[in-house]
Amino acid sequence: MTGSNDSVTTDATTTQAGEPKLVKGDYAKAMLRAWLLQNSFNYSNYQGNGYSYLIYPALRKIHGDDRETLCKDLEQNCEFYNTNPNLIPFVTSLHLAMADQGVPYSEIRGLKMALMGPLAGIGDSLSQFCIAPLYSTVFSSLATAGMAFAPVGFWLAINATLLAIKTVMCNLGHKLGTAVIDRLSKSMALISETASMVGVTVIAGLAATFVKMKVGIEFAAGAAEEGVKQSTVNIQGMLDGIAPALLPMLYLMLMYYLIKKRGWNTYQLVILTIVAGVALSAAGILV
């Protein structure tokens, strides 16, 4: 009798997990909350707290009375995240559509992290180097012509444009998330692993591009001869011959080790970087 009841309970839970609980209004609410994404920005997890704030109402609806699972889900989503606020509704809608169908966070996380870098680059370029300069040029010209409405017009125009972008991204993420569940549910593990590989590739590219470390040590090679310029060996040249950007890669691996194995936070990593940089530069090791 007990086994029969357990079976019925399990079946009911499975059926309930497979039925979507979210409606379009829930996705729209998460999209509108994206305006407040940066309010809790910090140097420990960047937008992590804000990301959990965006999806909290929807997750609460998905988990229902299961407060323990809700708290665990919110805690997981407080991890480091940093992307463009105007395109993040694409990520949250994709995330919620998959979570609504019972996809575990371990599989959602791969897609979420893989989208972080590319959307940051696209969104920052679009908002900071396209939309803002365009409207600034138009409305500053109107302001110099004596139109008092120009500053308000700028504010309305740019926010209307950003709202339109958020809305499009929200709908696109919702549709894509549903399609992923319907068509690719059996391949989610492979998709998540592939997305994680893309994310690692992007991070590695960023590290090689933006982390600058150069050894300034040189030493003489061979004995000096009269009339012949003594040759020198450049340590940085030797390292570049082994592998370009070798030092940035090694430093990135050190940061990963300290975070993953030692539990260091961002503040500790920043302090270490500053102290090590100043000390090694003062000693003439790095330039």
C-alpha atoms as a PDB file:
ATOM      1  CA  MET A   1       0.000   0.000   0.000  1.00  0.00           C
ATOM      2  CA  THR A   2       2.890   2.309   0.873  1.00  0.00           C
ATOM      3  CA  GLY A   3       4.706   1.495  -2.376  1.00  0.00           C
ATOM      4  CA  SER A   4       1.547   2.307  -4.355  1.00  0.00           C
ATOM      5  CA  ASN A   5       1.233   5.710  -2.697  1.00  0.00           C
ATOM      6  CA  ASP A   6       4.915   6.484  -3.353  1.00  0.00           C
ATOM      7  CA  SER A   7       4.450   5.595  -7.004  1.00  0.00           C
ATOM      8  CA  VAL A   8       1.434   7.843  -7.338  1.00  0.00           C
ATOM      9  CA  THR A   9       3.280  10.687  -5.631  1.00  0.00           C
ATOM     10  CA  THR A  10       6.288  10.293  -7.925  1.00  0.00           C
ATOM     11  CA  ASP A  11       4.138  10.247 -11.055  1.00  0.00           C
ATOM     12  CA  ALA A  12       2.250  13.322  -9.909  1.00  0.00           C
ATOM     13  CA  THR A  13       5.485  15.168  -9.224  1.00  0.00           C
ATOM     14  CA  THR A  14       6.852  14.295 -12.647  1.00  0.00           C
ATOM     15  CA  THR A  15       3.682  15.428 -14.370  1.00  0.00           C
ATOM     16  CA  GLN A  16       3.612  18.652 -12.417  1.00  0.00           C
ATOM     17  CA  ALA A  17       7.265  19.368 -13.251  1.00  0.00           C
ATOM     18  CA  GLY A  18       6.532  18.867 -16.938  1.00  0.00           C
ATOM     19  CA  GLU A  19       3.667  21.365 -17.028  1.00  0.00           C
ATOM     20  CA  PRO A  20       4.738  24.989 -17.624  1.00  0.00           C
ATOM     21  CA  LYS A  21       3.826  27.243 -14.718  1.00  0.00           C
ATOM     22  CA  LEU A  22       5.054  30.529 -16.136  1.00  0.00           C
ATOM     23  CA  VAL A  23       3.093  32.797 -18.443  1.00  0.00           C
ATOM     24  CA  LYS A  24       4.255  35.685 -20.622  1.00  0.00           C
ATOM     25  CA  GLY A  25       3.690  38.119 -17.762  1.00  0.00           C
ATOM     26  CA  ASP A  26       6.306  36.322 -15.664  1.00  0.00           C
ATOM     27  CA  TYR A  27       8.918  36.748 -18.379  1.00  0.00           C
ATOM     28  CA  ALA A  28       7.922  40.385 -18.818  1.00  0.00           C
ATOM     29  CA  LYS A  29       8.303  40.974 -15.066  1.00  0.00           C
ATOM     30  CA  ALA A  30      11.836  39.568 -15.135  1.00  0.00           C
ATOM     31  CA  MET A  31      12.573  41.765 -18.161  1.00  0.00           C
ATOM     32  CA  LEU A  32      11.376  44.929 -16.404  1.00  0.00           C
ATOM     33  CA  ARG A  33      13.351  44.071 -13.278  1.00  0.00           C
ATOM     34  CA  ALA A  34      16.463  44.143 -15.484  1.00  0.00           C
ATOM     35  CA  TRP A  35      16.459  47.938 -15.053  1.00  0.00           C
ATOM     36  CA  LEU A  36      17.599  47.317 -11.467  1.00  0.00           C
ATOM     37  CA  LEU A  37      20.259  44.726 -12.313  1.00  0.00           C
ATOM     38  CA  GLN A  38      23.172  47.020 -11.440  1.00  0.00           C
ATOM     39  CA  ASN A  39      21.747  48.225  -8.111  1.00  0.00           C
ATOM     40  CA  SER A  40      23.528  45.478  -6.179  1.00  0.00           C
ATOM     41  CA  PHE A  41      26.692  45.448  -8.294  1.00  0.00           C
ATOM     42  CA  ASN A  42      29.785  44.565  -6.255  1.00  0.00           C
ATOM     43  CA  TYR A  43      33.318  43.321  -6.851  1.00  0.00           C
ATOM     44  CA  SER A  44      32.656  39.914  -5.336  1.00  0.00           C
ATOM     45  CA  ASN A  45      30.072  38.510  -7.736  1.00  0.00           C
ATOM     46  CA  TYR A  46      29.397  41.564  -9.941  1.00  0.00           C
ATOM     47  CA  GLN A  47      25.775  41.142 -11.164  1.00  0.00           C
ATOM     48  CA  GLY A  48      25.162  37.873  -9.312  1.00  0.00           C
ATOM     49  CA  ASN A  49      22.799  39.288  -6.689  1.00  0.00           C
ATOM     50  CA  GLY A  50      20.976  41.321  -9.316  1.00  0.00           C
ATOM     51  CA  TYR A  51      20.546  38.253 -11.520  1.00  0.00           C
ATOM     52  CA  SER A  52      18.836  36.370  -8.685  1.00  0.00           C
ATOM     53  CA  TYR A  53      16.654  39.427  -8.064  1.00  0.00           C
ATOM     54  CA  LEU A  54      15.538  39.414 -11.719  1.00  0.00           C
ATOM     55  CA  ILE A  55      14.347  35.814 -11.736  1.00  0.00           C
ATOM     56  CA  TYR A  56      13.162  35.559  -8.105  1.00  0.00           C
ATOM     57  CA  PRO A  57       9.383  35.981  -8.743  1.00  0.00           C
ATOM     58  CA  ALA A  58       9.447  33.421 -11.541  1.00  0.00           C
ATOM     59  CA  LEU A  59      11.508  30.917  -9.558  1.00  0.00           C
ATOM     60  CA  ARG A  60       9.161  31.354  -6.617  1.00  0.00           C
ATOM     61  CA  LYS A  61       6.251  30.490  -8.885  1.00  0.00           C
ATOM     62  CA  ILE A  62       8.081  27.468 -10.320  1.00  0.00           C
ATOM     63  CA  HIS A  63       9.061  26.014  -6.925  1.00  0.00           C
ATOM     64  CA  GLY A  64       5.805  26.848  -5.174  1.00  0.00           C
ATOM     65  CA  ASP A  65       5.885  25.861  -1.500  1.00  0.00           C
ATOM     66  CA  ASP A  66       9.286  24.176  -1.789  1.00  0.00           C
ATOM     67  CA  ARG A  67      11.203  26.960  -0.012  1.00  0.00           C
ATOM     68  CA  GLU A  68      14.342  24.887   0.456  1.00  0.00           C
ATOM     69  CA  THR A  69      14.769  24.281  -3.267  1.00  0.00           C
ATOM     70  CA  LEU A  70      13.942  27.926  -4.000  1.00  0.00           C
ATOM     71  CA  CYS A  71      16.619  29.153  -1.612  1.00  0.00           C
ATOM     72  CA  LYS A  72      19.166  26.754  -3.069  1.00  0.00           C
ATOM     73  CA  ASP A  73      18.314  27.885  -6.603  1.00  0.00           C
ATOM     74  CA  LEU A  74      18.636  31.558  -5.672  1.00  0.00           C
ATOM     75  CA  GLU A  75      21.942  30.932  -3.930  1.00  0.00           C
ATOM     76  CA  GLN A  76      23.325  29.170  -7.013  1.00  0.00           C
ATOM     77  CA  ASN A  77      22.295  32.075  -9.207  1.00  0.00           C
ATOM     78  CA  CYS A  78      24.094  34.564  -6.960  1.00  0.00           C
ATOM     79  CA  GLU A  79      27.400  33.374  -8.425  1.00  0.00           C
ATOM     80  CA  PHE A  80      29.578  35.675 -10.514  1.00  0.00           C
ATOM     81  CA  TYR A  81      27.850  37.112 -13.568  1.00  0.00           C
ATOM     82  CA  ASN A  82      28.627  40.116 -15.733  1.00  0.00           C
ATOM     83  CA  THR A  83      26.991  40.979 -19.040  1.00  0.00           C
ATOM     84  CA  ASN A  84      25.163  43.858 -20.713  1.00  0.00           C
ATOM     85  CA  PRO A  85      21.982  44.810 -18.781  1.00  0.00           C
ATOM     86  CA  ASN A  86      20.054  45.509 -21.975  1.00  0.00           C
ATOM     87  CA  LEU A  87      20.557  42.015 -23.405  1.00  0.00           C
ATOM     88  CA  ILE A  88      20.288  40.052 -20.159  1.00  0.00           C
ATOM     89  CA  PRO A  89      16.518  39.444 -20.659  1.00  0.00           C
ATOM     90  CA  PHE A  90      17.561  36.993 -23.384  1.00  0.00           C
ATOM     91  CA  VAL A  91      19.516  34.997 -20.792  1.00  0.00           C
ATOM     92  CA  THR A  92      16.866  35.170 -18.078  1.00  0.00           C
ATOM     93  CA  SER A  93      14.041  34.176 -20.430  1.00  0.00           C
ATOM     94  CA  LEU A  94      16.065  31.271 -21.783  1.00  0.00           C
ATOM     95  CA  HIS A  95      16.930  30.279 -18.218  1.00  0.00           C
ATOM     96  CA  LEU A  96      13.337  30.468 -16.969  1.00  0.00           C
ATOM     97  CA  ALA A  97      11.889  28.620 -19.964  1.00  0.00           C
ATOM     98  CA  MET A  98      14.260  25.737 -19.325  1.00  0.00           C
ATOM     99  CA  ALA A  99      13.765  25.803 -15.545  1.00  0.00           C
ATOM    100  CA  ASP A 100       9.990  25.805 -16.054  1.00  0.00           C
ATOM    101  CA  GLN A 101      10.340  22.487 -17.866  1.00  0.00           C
ATOM    102  CA  GLY A 102      12.362  20.931 -15.064  1.00  0.00           C
ATOM    103  CA  VAL A 103      15.850  21.221 -16.570  1.00  0.00           C
ATOM    104  CA  PRO A 104      18.389  21.126 -13.707  1.00  0.00           C
ATOM    105  CA  TYR A 105      20.509  24.198 -13.066  1.00  0.00           C
ATOM    106  CA  SER A 106      23.703  22.255 -13.799  1.00  0.00           C
ATOM    107  CA  GLU A 107      22.595  22.057 -17.445  1.00  0.00           C
ATOM    108  CA  ILE A 108      21.190  25.592 -17.629  1.00  0.00           C
ATOM    109  CA  ARG A 109      24.386  27.048 -16.196  1.00  0.00           C
ATOM    110  CA  GLY A 110      26.491  26.063 -19.217  1.00  0.00           C
ATOM    111  CA  LEU A 111      24.321  28.100 -21.590  1.00  0.00           C
ATOM    112  CA  LYS A 112      24.011  30.946 -19.097  1.00  0.00           C
ATOM    113  CA  MET A 113      27.770  31.309 -18.701  1.00  0.00           C
ATOM    114  CA  ALA A 114      28.533  30.819 -22.378  1.00  0.00           C
ATOM    115  CA  LEU A 115      26.231  33.714 -23.313  1.00  0.00           C
ATOM    116  CA  MET A 116      27.731  36.104 -20.754  1.00  0.00           C
ATOM    117  CA  GLY A 117      30.800  37.204 -22.742  1.00  0.00           C
ATOM    118  CA  PRO A 118      29.351  37.479 -26.261  1.00  0.00           C
ATOM    119  CA  LEU A 119      26.258  39.380 -25.092  1.00  0.00           C
ATOM    120  CA  ALA A 120      28.445  41.748 -23.071  1.00  0.00           C
ATOM    121  CA  GLY A 121      30.491  42.612 -26.154  1.00  0.00           C
ATOM    122  CA  ILE A 122      27.496  42.996 -28.458  1.00  0.00           C
ATOM    123  CA  GLY A 123      25.367  44.882 -25.936  1.00  0.00           C
ATOM    124  CA  ASP A 124      28.097  47.299 -24.856  1.00  0.00           C
ATOM    125  CA  SER A 125      28.955  48.112 -28.449  1.00  0.00           C
ATOM    126  CA  LEU A 126      25.307  48.615 -29.340  1.00  0.00           C
ATOM    127  CA  SER A 127      24.346  50.792 -26.370  1.00  0.00           C
ATOM    128  CA  GLN A 128      27.548  52.741 -25.733  1.00  0.00           C
ATOM    129  CA  PHE A 129      28.950  53.168 -29.233  1.00  0.00           C
ATOM    130  CA  CYS A 130      25.798  53.275 -31.342  1.00  0.00           C
ATOM    131  CA  ILE A 131      22.582  54.244 -29.552  1.00  0.00           C
ATOM    132  CA  ALA A 132      23.997  56.711 -27.005  1.00  0.00           C
ATOM    133  CA  PRO A 133      26.192  58.657 -29.498  1.00  0.00           C
ATOM    134  CA  LEU A 134      23.368  58.735 -32.055  1.00  0.00           C
ATOM    135  CA  TYR A 135      20.781  60.229 -29.708  1.00  0.00           C
ATOM    136  CA  SER A 136      23.374  62.485 -28.086  1.00  0.00           C
ATOM    137  CA  THR A 137      24.209  63.998 -31.463  1.00  0.00           C
ATOM    138  CA  VAL A 138      20.582  64.497 -32.461  1.00  0.00           C
ATOM    139  CA  PHE A 139      19.292  65.966 -29.196  1.00  0.00           C
ATOM    140  CA  SER A 140      22.378  68.037 -28.404  1.00  0.00           C
ATOM    141  CA  SER A 141      21.873  69.733 -31.766  1.00  0.00           C
ATOM    142  CA  LEU A 142      18.270  70.411 -30.850  1.00  0.00           C
ATOM    143  CA  ALA A 143      19.346  71.746 -27.448  1.00  0.00           C
ATOM    144  CA  THR A 144      21.862  74.173 -28.972  1.00  0.00           C
ATOM    145  CA  ALA A 145      19.074  75.332 -31.286  1.00  0.00           C
ATOM    146  CA  GLY A 146      17.106  76.408 -28.223  1.00  0.00           C
ATOM    147  CA  MET A 147      14.660  73.520 -27.814  1.00  0.00           C
ATOM    148  CA  ALA A 148      14.089  73.092 -24.087  1.00  0.00           C
ATOM    149  CA  PHE A 149      12.462  69.706 -24.721  1.00  0.00           C
ATOM    150  CA  ALA A 150      15.742  68.226 -26.006  1.00  0.00           C
ATOM    151  CA  PRO A 151      17.034  66.743 -22.694  1.00  0.00           C
ATOM    152  CA  VAL A 152      13.655  65.139 -21.955  1.00  0.00           C
ATOM    153  CA  GLY A 153      13.439  63.937 -25.548  1.00  0.00           C
ATOM    154  CA  PHE A 154      16.874  62.318 -25.238  1.00  0.00           C
ATOM    155  CA  TRP A 155      15.827  60.530 -22.046  1.00  0.00           C
ATOM    156  CA  LEU A 156      12.564  59.291 -23.573  1.00  0.00           C
ATOM    157  CA  ALA A 157      14.141  58.210 -26.853  1.00  0.00           C
ATOM    158  CA  ILE A 158      17.034  56.265 -25.400  1.00  0.00           C
ATOM    159  CA  ASN A 159      14.914  54.537 -22.761  1.00  0.00           C
ATOM    160  CA  ALA A 160      12.221  53.644 -25.297  1.00  0.00           C
ATOM    161  CA  THR A 161      14.891  52.128 -27.538  1.00  0.00           C
ATOM    162  CA  LEU A 162      16.430  50.155 -24.692  1.00  0.00           C
ATOM    163  CA  LEU A 163      12.990  48.951 -23.603  1.00  0.00           C
ATOM    164  CA  ALA A 164      12.329  47.750 -27.155  1.00  0.00           C
ATOM    165  CA  ILE A 165      15.647  45.886 -27.169  1.00  0.00           C
ATOM    166  CA  LYS A 166      14.866  44.287 -23.804  1.00  0.00           C
ATOM    167  CA  THR A 167      11.427  43.228 -25.025  1.00  0.00           C
ATOM    168  CA  VAL A 168      12.792  41.643 -28.197  1.00  0.00           C
ATOM    169  CA  MET A 169      15.509  39.831 -26.246  1.00  0.00           C
ATOM    170  CA  CYS A 170      12.946  38.610 -23.706  1.00  0.00           C
ATOM    171  CA  ASN A 171      10.652  37.141 -26.356  1.00  0.00           C
ATOM    172  CA  LEU A 172      13.548  35.640 -28.296  1.00  0.00           C
ATOM    173  CA  GLY A 173      14.958  33.951 -25.197  1.00  0.00           C
ATOM    174  CA  HIS A 174      11.533  32.568 -24.279  1.00  0.00           C
ATOM    175  CA  LYS A 175      10.973  31.082 -27.745  1.00  0.00           C
ATOM    176  CA  LEU A 176      14.473  29.668 -27.944  1.00  0.00           C
ATOM    177  CA  GLY A 177      14.207  28.155 -24.467  1.00  0.00           C
ATOM    178  CA  THR A 178      10.957  26.431 -25.373  1.00  0.00           C
ATOM    179  CA  ALA A 179      12.443  25.151 -28.636  1.00  0.00           C
ATOM    180  CA  VAL A 180      15.463  23.795 -26.810  1.00  0.00           C
ATOM    181  CA  ILE A 181      13.218  21.784 -24.512  1.00  0.00           C
ATOM    182  CA  ASP A 182      10.890  20.536 -27.223  1.00  0.00           C
ATOM    183  CA  ARG A 183      13.483  19.557 -29.828  1.00  0.00           C
ATOM    184  CA  LEU A 184      16.764  19.031 -28.042  1.00  0.00           C
ATOM    185  CA  SER A 185      15.804  17.646 -24.650  1.00  0.00           C
ATOM    186  CA  LYS A 186      17.785  14.432 -25.208  1.00  0.00           C
ATOM    187  CA  SER A 187      20.921  16.382 -26.104  1.00  0.00           C
ATOM    188  CA  MET A 188      20.893  18.902 -23.271  1.00  0.00           C
ATOM    189  CA  ALA A 189      24.011  17.468 -21.637  1.00  0.00           C
ATOM    190  CA  LEU A 190      25.937  17.757 -24.915  1.00  0.00           C
ATOM    191  CA  ILE A 191      24.620  21.279 -25.553  1.00  0.00           C
ATOM    192  CA  SER A 192      25.558  22.357 -22.039  1.00  0.00           C
ATOM    193  CA  GLU A 193      29.062  20.919 -22.393  1.00  0.00           C
ATOM    194  CA  THR A 194      29.518  22.594 -25.769  1.00  0.00           C
ATOM    195  CA  ALA A 195      28.326  25.923 -24.400  1.00  0.00           C
ATOM    196  CA  SER A 196      30.741  25.583 -21.489  1.00  0.00           C
ATOM    197  CA  MET A 197      33.598  24.980 -23.943  1.00  0.00           C
ATOM    198  CA  VAL A 198      32.631  28.134 -25.834  1.00  0.00           C
ATOM    199  CA  GLY A 199      32.582  30.073 -22.575  1.00  0.00           C
ATOM    200  CA  VAL A 200      36.036  28.790 -21.601  1.00  0.00           C
ATOM    201  CA  THR A 201      37.353  29.736 -25.049  1.00  0.00           C
ATOM    202  CA  VAL A 202      35.989  33.277 -24.703  1.00  0.00           C
ATOM    203  CA  ILE A 203      37.479  33.685 -21.220  1.00  0.00           C
ATOM    204  CA  ALA A 204      40.843  32.367 -22.420  1.00  0.00           C
ATOM    205  CA  GLY A 205      40.789  34.829 -25.325  1.00  0.00           C
ATOM    206  CA  LEU A 206      39.980  37.706 -22.988  1.00  0.00           C
ATOM    207  CA  ALA A 207      42.804  36.708 -20.651  1.00  0.00           C
ATOM    208  CA  ALA A 208      45.331  36.549 -23.485  1.00  0.00           C
ATOM    209  CA  THR A 209      44.173  39.931 -24.793  1.00  0.00           C
ATOM    210  CA  PHE A 210      43.739  42.007 -21.648  1.00  0.00           C
ATOM    211  CA  VAL A 211      46.104  40.491 -19.076  1.00  0.00           C
ATOM    212  CA  LYS A 212      49.459  42.179 -19.664  1.00  0.00           C
ATOM    213  CA  MET A 213      52.556  40.626 -18.099  1.00  0.00           C
ATOM    214  CA  LYS A 214      56.055  41.151 -19.476  1.00  0.00           C
ATOM    215  CA  VAL A 215      59.346  40.022 -17.959  1.00  0.00           C
ATOM    216  CA  GLY A 216      61.989  42.744 -18.081  1.00  0.00           C
ATOM    217  CA  ILE A 217      65.022  40.599 -17.243  1.00  0.00           C
ATOM    218  CA  GLU A 218      67.850  40.415 -19.765  1.00  0.00           C
ATOM    219  CA  PHE A 219      71.345  38.965 -19.389  1.00  0.00           C
ATOM    220  CA  ALA A 220      74.497  38.866 -21.455  1.00  0.00           C
ATOM    221  CA  ALA A 221      75.263  35.803 -23.529  1.00  0.00           C
ATOM    222  CA  GLY A 222      78.909  34.870 -23.987  1.00  0.00           C
ATOM    223  CA  ALA A 223      82.073  36.834 -23.327  1.00  0.00           C
ATOM    224  CA  ALA A 224      82.457  40.386 -24.582  1.00  0.00           C
ATOM    225  CA  GLU A 225      84.912  40.888 -27.469  1.00  0.00           C
ATOM    226  CA  GLU A 226      86.530  44.100 -28.605  1.00  0.00           C
ATOM    227  CA  GLY A 227      84.636  45.698 -31.460  1.00  0.00           C
ATOM    228  CA  VAL A 228      81.804  43.197 -31.220  1.00  0.00           C
ATOM    229  CA  LYS A 229      78.536  44.093 -29.546  1.00  0.00           C
ATOM    230  CA  GLN A 230      77.763  41.663 -26.781  1.00  0.00           C
ATOM    231  CA  SER A 231      74.542  39.749 -27.379  1.00  0.00           C
ATOM    232  CA  THR A 232      71.813  39.618 -24.768  1.00  0.00           C
ATOM    233  CA  VAL A 233      69.145  37.073 -23.977  1.00  0.00           C
ATOM    234  CA  ASN A 234      65.645  38.395 -23.385  1.00  0.00           C
ATOM    235  CA  ILE A 235      63.582  36.224 -21.035  1.00  0.00           C
ATOM    236  CA  GLN A 236      60.301  37.547 -22.431  1.00  0.00           C
ATOM    237  CA  GLY A 237      61.424  36.643 -25.956  1.00  0.00           C
ATOM    238  CA  MET A 238      62.195  33.110 -24.826  1.00  0.00           C
ATOM    239  CA  LEU A 239      58.773  32.794 -23.204  1.00  0.00           C
ATOM    240  CA  ASP A 240      57.077  34.117 -26.348  1.00  0.00           C
ATOM    241  CA  GLY A 241      58.992  31.524 -28.324  1.00  0.00           C
ATOM    242  CA  ILE A 242      57.598  28.772 -26.117  1.00  0.00           C
ATOM    243  CA  ALA A 243      54.019  30.066 -26.173  1.00  0.00           C
ATOM    244  CA  PRO A 244      52.644  33.593 -26.744  1.00  0.00           C
ATOM    245  CA  ALA A 245      50.821  34.981 -23.691  1.00  0.00           C
ATOM    246  CA  LEU A 246      52.263  32.219 -21.515  1.00  0.00           C
ATOM    247  CA  LEU A 247      52.464  34.374 -18.383  1.00  0.00           C
ATOM    248  CA  PRO A 248      48.838  35.618 -18.635  1.00  0.00           C
ATOM    249  CA  MET A 249      47.710  32.007 -19.033  1.00  0.00           C
ATOM    250  CA  LEU A 250      49.701  30.896 -15.975  1.00  0.00           C
ATOM    251  CA  TYR A 251      48.349  33.800 -13.936  1.00  0.00           C
ATOM    252  CA  LEU A 252      44.804  32.942 -15.004  1.00  0.00           C
ATOM    253  CA  MET A 253      45.382  29.367 -13.882  1.00  0.00           C
ATOM    254  CA  LEU A 254      46.615  30.681 -10.517  1.00  0.00           C
ATOM    255  CA  MET A 255      43.434  32.756 -10.139  1.00  0.00           C
ATOM    256  CA  TYR A 256      41.322  29.708 -11.004  1.00  0.00           C
ATOM    257  CA  TYR A 257      43.188  27.599  -8.449  1.00  0.00           C
ATOM    258  CA  LEU A 258      42.744  30.182  -5.698  1.00  0.00           C
ATOM    259  CA  ILE A 259      39.021  30.524  -6.418  1.00  0.00           C
ATOM    260  CA  LYS A 260      38.242  26.857  -6.964  1.00  0.00           C
ATOM    261  CA  LYS A 261      40.515  25.174  -4.443  1.00  0.00           C
ATOM    262  CA  ARG A 262      41.158  27.847  -1.833  1.00  0.00           C
ATOM    263  CA  GLY A 263      37.823  29.663  -1.880  1.00  0.00           C
ATOM    264  CA  TRP A 264      39.302  33.126  -2.422  1.00  0.00           C
ATOM    265  CA  ASN A 265      36.958  35.978  -3.270  1.00  0.00           C
ATOM    266  CA  THR A 266      37.438  38.819  -5.748  1.00  0.00           C
ATOM    267  CA  TYR A 267      38.745  41.265  -3.153  1.00  0.00           C
ATOM    268  CA  GLN A 268      41.545  38.901  -2.135  1.00  0.00           C
ATOM    269  CA  LEU A 269      42.488  38.348  -5.788  1.00  0.00           C
ATOM    270  CA  VAL A 270      42.594  42.095  -6.453  1.00  0.00           C
ATOM    271  CA  ILE A 271      44.798  42.730  -3.419  1.00  0.00           C
ATOM    272  CA  LEU A 272      47.128  39.883  -4.424  1.00  0.00           C
ATOM    273  CA  THR A 273      47.361  41.244  -7.970  1.00  0.00           C
ATOM    274  CA  ILE A 274      48.168  44.779  -6.802  1.00  0.00           C
ATOM    275  CA  VAL A 275      50.762  43.687  -4.231  1.00  0.00           C
ATOM    276  CA  ALA A 276      52.439  41.196  -6.582  1.00  0.00           C
ATOM    277  CA  GLY A 277      52.422  43.683  -9.450  1.00  0.00           C
ATOM    278  CA  VAL A 278      53.995  46.478  -7.409  1.00  0.00           C
ATOM    279  CA  ALA A 279      56.571  44.170  -5.797  1.00  0.00           C
ATOM    280  CA  LEU A 280      57.655  42.488  -9.027  1.00  0.00           C
ATOM    281  CA  SER A 281      57.795  45.825 -10.864  1.00  0.00           C
ATOM    282  CA  ALA A 282      59.894  47.389  -8.082  1.00  0.00           C
ATOM    283  CA  ALA A 283      62.267  44.421  -8.256  1.00  0.00           C
ATOM    284  CA  GLY A 284      62.613  44.887 -12.009  1.00  0.00           C
ATOM    285  CA  ILE A 285      61.179  41.470 -12.805  1.00  0.00           C
ATOM    286  CA  LEU A 286      58.060  42.776 -14.552  1.00  0.00           C
ATOM    287  CA  VAL A 287      57.836  45.902 -16.690  1.00  0.00           C
END
